[in-house]
Amino acid sequence: MHEAPQSGDARCPGVVLLHGIARTSASLAKLERALQGSGFTTLNIDYPSRREPIADIADDIHPAIARFAERDAPLHFVAHSMGGLVARAYIARHRPARLGRVVMLGTPNSGSEVADLLQGFSPYRAFYGPAGLELTTTPATAPNALPAIDYPVGVIAGSRFIDPVAGLLVLPKPNDGRVSVRSAMLAGMTDHVIVKASHTGLPRHPAAIEQTIAFLRDGRFRAASVT
């Protein structure tokens, strides 16, 4: 695991950024810069997304987050894709004392039908590893087995897809090419918004970035319609 340098004043609200499976912290760089420009301190972590189950990943990142949380300020989480499941597992296992708000972008909170389709193929299992097999829609896998939330969560879902096979033939519509809007929703969430962005494009989309900052500041998105 690579721990990115912390940035910002110790008195500013902190934000832990968690990337998706087979991605790195660089995929959240634009979002991180926007958060820093809006007065947040950030910790953008690289973690072994393809080598371990989600619960083990949550334990691996705990020391870095615990150090970052030693500040007299709220601690928020912003997570893309599977990073949202890592955030849920982390909070369930190592809840920070000053936990603030959580924003999930394209997180398969009910699993992904794409994972359902591909889980039986050895190239998928070899590349995505244990965590990839936990992204299915079956009740026993991580998305559906995680505890219910009791903290403020804002869900941002994408409605534009690049891959026509997954977007048209595999996933319920609307979807972002990897995760359906329906799957991104989470029981008990505080608010949600749909953005016209693909799955990989969500963390870079201007509207998604604006909505992320709005939720962290106000606990609500600016609008609950497609932007």
Protein backbone atom coordinates (compact mmCIF):
# COMPACT_ATOMS: atom_id res chain seq x y z
CA MET A 1 0.00 0.00 0.00
CA HIS A 2 1.28 3.48 -0.90
CA GLU A 3 0.30 6.28 1.43
CA ALA A 4 0.11 9.60 -0.38
CA PRO A 5 1.39 12.66 1.48
CA GLN A 6 -1.18 14.52 3.51
CA SER A 7 -1.97 18.00 2.27
CA GLY A 8 -3.60 20.98 3.94
CA ASP A 9 -3.87 22.54 7.38
CA ALA A 10 -4.38 20.29 10.40
CA ARG A 11 -7.46 22.33 11.38
CA CYS A 12 -9.22 21.78 8.05
CA PRO A 13 -11.74 18.96 7.57
CA GLY A 14 -9.99 15.84 6.31
CA VAL A 15 -10.99 13.71 3.34
CA VAL A 16 -9.79 10.15 2.73
CA LEU A 17 -9.95 9.28 -0.96
CA LEU A 18 -10.31 5.62 -1.99
CA HIS A 19 -9.98 4.54 -5.63
CA GLY A 20 -11.73 1.64 -7.32
CA ILE A 21 -10.56 -1.82 -8.27
CA ALA A 22 -7.59 -1.99 -10.66
CA ARG A 23 -7.14 1.79 -10.32
CA THR A 24 -4.68 3.97 -8.41
CA SER A 25 -4.76 7.20 -6.45
CA ALA A 26 -3.93 9.02 -9.70
CA SER A 27 -7.49 8.34 -10.89
CA LEU A 28 -8.72 10.68 -8.13
CA ALA A 29 -6.10 13.40 -8.66
CA LYS A 30 -8.46 15.93 -10.26
CA LEU A 31 -11.04 15.41 -7.54
CA GLU A 32 -8.34 15.68 -4.88
CA ARG A 33 -7.10 19.01 -6.26
CA ALA A 34 -10.65 20.37 -6.24
CA LEU A 35 -11.11 19.29 -2.61
CA GLN A 36 -7.85 20.94 -1.60
CA GLY A 37 -8.89 24.11 -3.42
CA SER A 38 -12.13 24.07 -1.42
CA GLY A 39 -10.37 23.97 1.93
CA PHE A 40 -10.17 20.25 2.66
CA THR A 41 -7.10 18.33 3.76
CA THR A 42 -6.70 15.11 1.79
CA LEU A 43 -5.23 11.64 2.11
CA ASN A 44 -5.27 9.83 -1.24
CA ILE A 45 -4.31 6.19 -0.67
CA ASP A 46 -3.11 3.51 -3.05
CA TYR A 47 -4.12 0.06 -1.86
CA PRO A 48 -3.88 -3.53 -3.24
CA SER A 49 -7.32 -3.61 -4.81
CA ARG A 50 -6.80 -6.87 -6.73
CA ARG A 51 -4.83 -8.93 -4.23
CA GLU A 52 -7.04 -9.15 -1.14
CA PRO A 53 -10.68 -9.37 -0.05
CA ILE A 54 -12.37 -6.10 0.81
CA ALA A 55 -12.29 -6.70 4.58
CA ASP A 56 -8.53 -7.27 4.48
CA ILE A 57 -8.04 -4.11 2.43
CA ALA A 58 -9.93 -2.18 5.12
CA ASP A 59 -7.51 -3.50 7.73
CA ASP A 60 -4.48 -2.70 5.56
CA ILE A 61 -5.39 0.96 5.18
CA HIS A 62 -6.25 1.44 8.84
CA PRO A 63 -2.80 2.58 10.10
CA ALA A 64 -2.56 5.34 7.50
CA ILE A 65 -6.10 6.56 8.13
CA ALA A 66 -5.66 6.36 11.90
CA ARG A 67 -2.62 8.66 11.67
CA PHE A 68 -4.52 11.04 9.41
CA ALA A 69 -7.46 11.05 11.83
CA GLU A 70 -5.30 12.37 14.69
CA ARG A 71 -6.59 15.85 13.99
CA ASP A 72 -9.19 18.02 15.67
CA ALA A 73 -11.44 18.07 12.62
CA PRO A 74 -14.14 15.95 10.93
CA LEU A 75 -12.95 13.05 8.79
CA HIS A 76 -14.85 12.49 5.54
CA PHE A 77 -14.53 9.75 2.93
CA VAL A 78 -14.85 10.13 -0.84
CA ALA A 79 -14.71 6.87 -2.76
CA HIS A 80 -15.03 5.72 -6.36
CA SER A 81 -16.48 2.36 -7.39
CA MET A 82 -15.27 -0.46 -5.14
CA GLY A 83 -13.61 2.17 -2.95
CA GLY A 84 -17.08 2.87 -1.54
CA LEU A 85 -17.34 -0.73 -0.35
CA VAL A 86 -13.87 -0.43 1.18
CA ALA A 87 -15.05 2.72 2.96
CA ARG A 88 -18.13 0.92 4.30
CA ALA A 89 -16.03 -2.02 5.49
CA TYR A 90 -13.47 0.32 7.04
CA ILE A 91 -16.06 2.31 8.98
CA ALA A 92 -17.70 -0.90 10.19
CA ARG A 93 -14.36 -2.21 11.48
CA HIS A 94 -12.43 0.94 12.45
CA ARG A 95 -14.96 3.76 12.79
CA PRO A 96 -13.15 7.10 13.25
CA ALA A 97 -14.11 9.09 16.33
CA ARG A 98 -14.78 12.22 14.25
CA LEU A 99 -16.46 10.52 11.31
CA GLY A 100 -18.08 13.07 9.04
CA ARG A 101 -19.76 12.38 5.69
CA VAL A 102 -19.21 9.82 2.93
CA VAL A 103 -19.58 10.35 -0.81
CA MET A 104 -19.70 7.31 -3.09
CA LEU A 105 -19.25 7.68 -6.85
CA GLY A 106 -20.44 4.72 -8.91
CA THR A 107 -20.19 2.26 -6.02
CA PRO A 108 -21.88 -1.13 -6.66
CA ASN A 109 -23.71 -1.16 -3.34
CA SER A 110 -25.87 -4.07 -4.51
CA GLY A 111 -23.15 -5.65 -6.67
CA SER A 112 -22.62 -5.56 -10.41
CA GLU A 113 -24.25 -7.74 -13.06
CA VAL A 114 -21.00 -7.44 -15.04
CA ALA A 115 -19.22 -9.28 -12.22
CA ASP A 116 -22.05 -11.84 -12.23
CA LEU A 117 -21.42 -12.50 -15.92
CA LEU A 118 -17.63 -12.68 -15.76
CA GLN A 119 -16.96 -14.37 -12.44
CA GLY A 120 -16.79 -17.81 -14.02
CA PHE A 121 -14.04 -16.84 -16.47
CA SER A 122 -10.47 -17.49 -15.35
CA PRO A 123 -9.02 -14.26 -16.87
CA TYR A 124 -11.46 -12.23 -14.78
CA ARG A 125 -10.63 -14.16 -11.61
CA ALA A 126 -6.91 -13.90 -12.26
CA PHE A 127 -6.93 -10.17 -12.97
CA TYR A 128 -9.45 -8.90 -10.41
CA GLY A 129 -8.58 -11.35 -7.66
CA PRO A 130 -10.54 -11.94 -4.42
CA ALA A 131 -12.14 -8.50 -4.33
CA GLY A 132 -13.39 -8.87 -7.90
CA LEU A 133 -15.29 -12.00 -6.91
CA GLU A 134 -16.95 -10.06 -4.08
CA LEU A 135 -18.58 -7.60 -6.47
CA THR A 136 -21.39 -9.88 -7.62
CA THR A 137 -25.04 -9.37 -6.77
CA THR A 138 -25.39 -12.58 -4.72
CA PRO A 139 -26.52 -11.96 -1.12
CA ALA A 140 -23.43 -13.45 0.55
CA THR A 141 -20.88 -11.23 -1.21
CA ALA A 142 -19.41 -8.05 0.25
CA PRO A 143 -21.80 -5.43 -1.18
CA ASN A 144 -24.84 -7.13 0.31
CA ALA A 145 -23.24 -8.47 3.49
CA LEU A 146 -21.86 -5.18 4.82
CA PRO A 147 -23.62 -3.66 7.85
CA ALA A 148 -26.32 -1.04 7.40
CA ILE A 149 -25.07 2.53 7.43
CA ASP A 150 -25.77 4.92 10.32
CA TYR A 151 -23.81 7.92 9.05
CA PRO A 152 -24.45 10.49 6.28
CA VAL A 153 -23.89 9.03 2.81
CA GLY A 154 -24.31 10.78 -0.51
CA VAL A 155 -24.48 8.61 -3.63
CA ILE A 156 -23.46 9.87 -7.07
CA ALA A 157 -24.42 7.54 -9.92
CA GLY A 158 -23.45 7.76 -13.59
CA SER A 159 -25.88 7.40 -16.49
CA ARG A 160 -23.56 7.36 -19.53
CA PHE A 161 -21.77 4.27 -20.79
CA ILE A 162 -18.92 3.72 -23.24
CA ASP A 163 -19.11 -0.07 -23.53
CA PRO A 164 -22.30 -0.79 -25.52
CA VAL A 165 -22.32 -4.50 -24.63
CA ALA A 166 -22.43 -3.96 -20.87
CA GLY A 167 -24.44 -0.76 -21.10
CA LEU A 168 -27.13 -2.11 -23.42
CA LEU A 169 -27.21 -5.86 -22.84
CA VAL A 170 -25.92 -6.66 -19.35
CA LEU A 171 -26.76 -3.88 -16.92
CA PRO A 172 -30.18 -2.51 -15.99
CA LYS A 173 -30.72 0.97 -17.40
CA PRO A 174 -29.71 3.62 -16.63
CA ASN A 175 -26.10 2.70 -15.94
CA ASP A 176 -22.53 3.95 -16.28
CA GLY A 177 -21.24 0.93 -18.18
CA ARG A 178 -20.13 -0.91 -15.05
CA VAL A 179 -22.69 -0.14 -12.34
CA SER A 180 -26.40 0.55 -12.70
CA VAL A 181 -28.01 3.53 -11.02
CA ARG A 182 -30.18 1.06 -9.11
CA SER A 183 -27.15 -0.78 -7.72
CA ALA A 184 -25.43 2.45 -6.69
CA MET A 185 -28.34 3.35 -4.40
CA LEU A 186 -27.96 2.43 -0.73
CA ALA A 187 -30.60 1.91 1.94
CA GLY A 188 -30.40 4.73 4.48
CA MET A 189 -28.45 7.11 2.22
CA THR A 190 -28.93 10.79 2.92
CA ASP A 191 -29.12 11.97 -0.68
CA HIS A 192 -28.35 10.90 -4.23
CA VAL A 193 -27.78 12.51 -7.61
CA ILE A 194 -27.35 11.19 -11.16
CA VAL A 195 -24.63 12.61 -13.40
CA LYS A 196 -24.22 12.06 -17.15
CA ALA A 197 -20.83 10.39 -16.83
CA SER A 198 -19.30 6.98 -17.47
CA HIS A 199 -17.97 4.83 -14.67
CA THR A 200 -14.32 5.77 -15.14
CA GLY A 201 -15.23 9.37 -15.92
CA LEU A 202 -17.22 10.01 -12.73
CA PRO A 203 -14.31 11.19 -10.52
CA ARG A 204 -13.23 13.67 -13.22
CA HIS A 205 -16.66 14.98 -14.20
CA PRO A 206 -17.12 18.64 -13.21
CA ALA A 207 -20.70 18.11 -11.99
CA ALA A 208 -19.69 15.10 -9.88
CA ILE A 209 -16.83 17.06 -8.34
CA GLU A 210 -19.10 20.02 -7.59
CA GLN A 211 -21.71 17.74 -6.03
CA THR A 212 -19.08 15.96 -3.92
CA ILE A 213 -17.92 19.23 -2.41
CA ALA A 214 -21.51 20.36 -1.85
CA PHE A 215 -22.36 17.20 0.08
CA LEU A 216 -19.25 17.37 2.23
CA ARG A 217 -20.01 20.98 3.10
CA ASP A 218 -23.79 20.93 3.46
CA GLY A 219 -24.85 17.29 3.81
CA ARG A 220 -26.96 17.58 0.66
CA PHE A 221 -26.44 17.67 -3.08
CA ARG A 222 -27.40 20.79 -4.97
CA ALA A 223 -30.02 18.95 -7.00
CA ALA A 224 -31.43 15.45 -7.27
CA SER A 225 -31.76 15.43 -11.06
CA VAL A 226 -29.53 14.46 -13.96
CA THR A 227 -26.74 17.02 -14.47
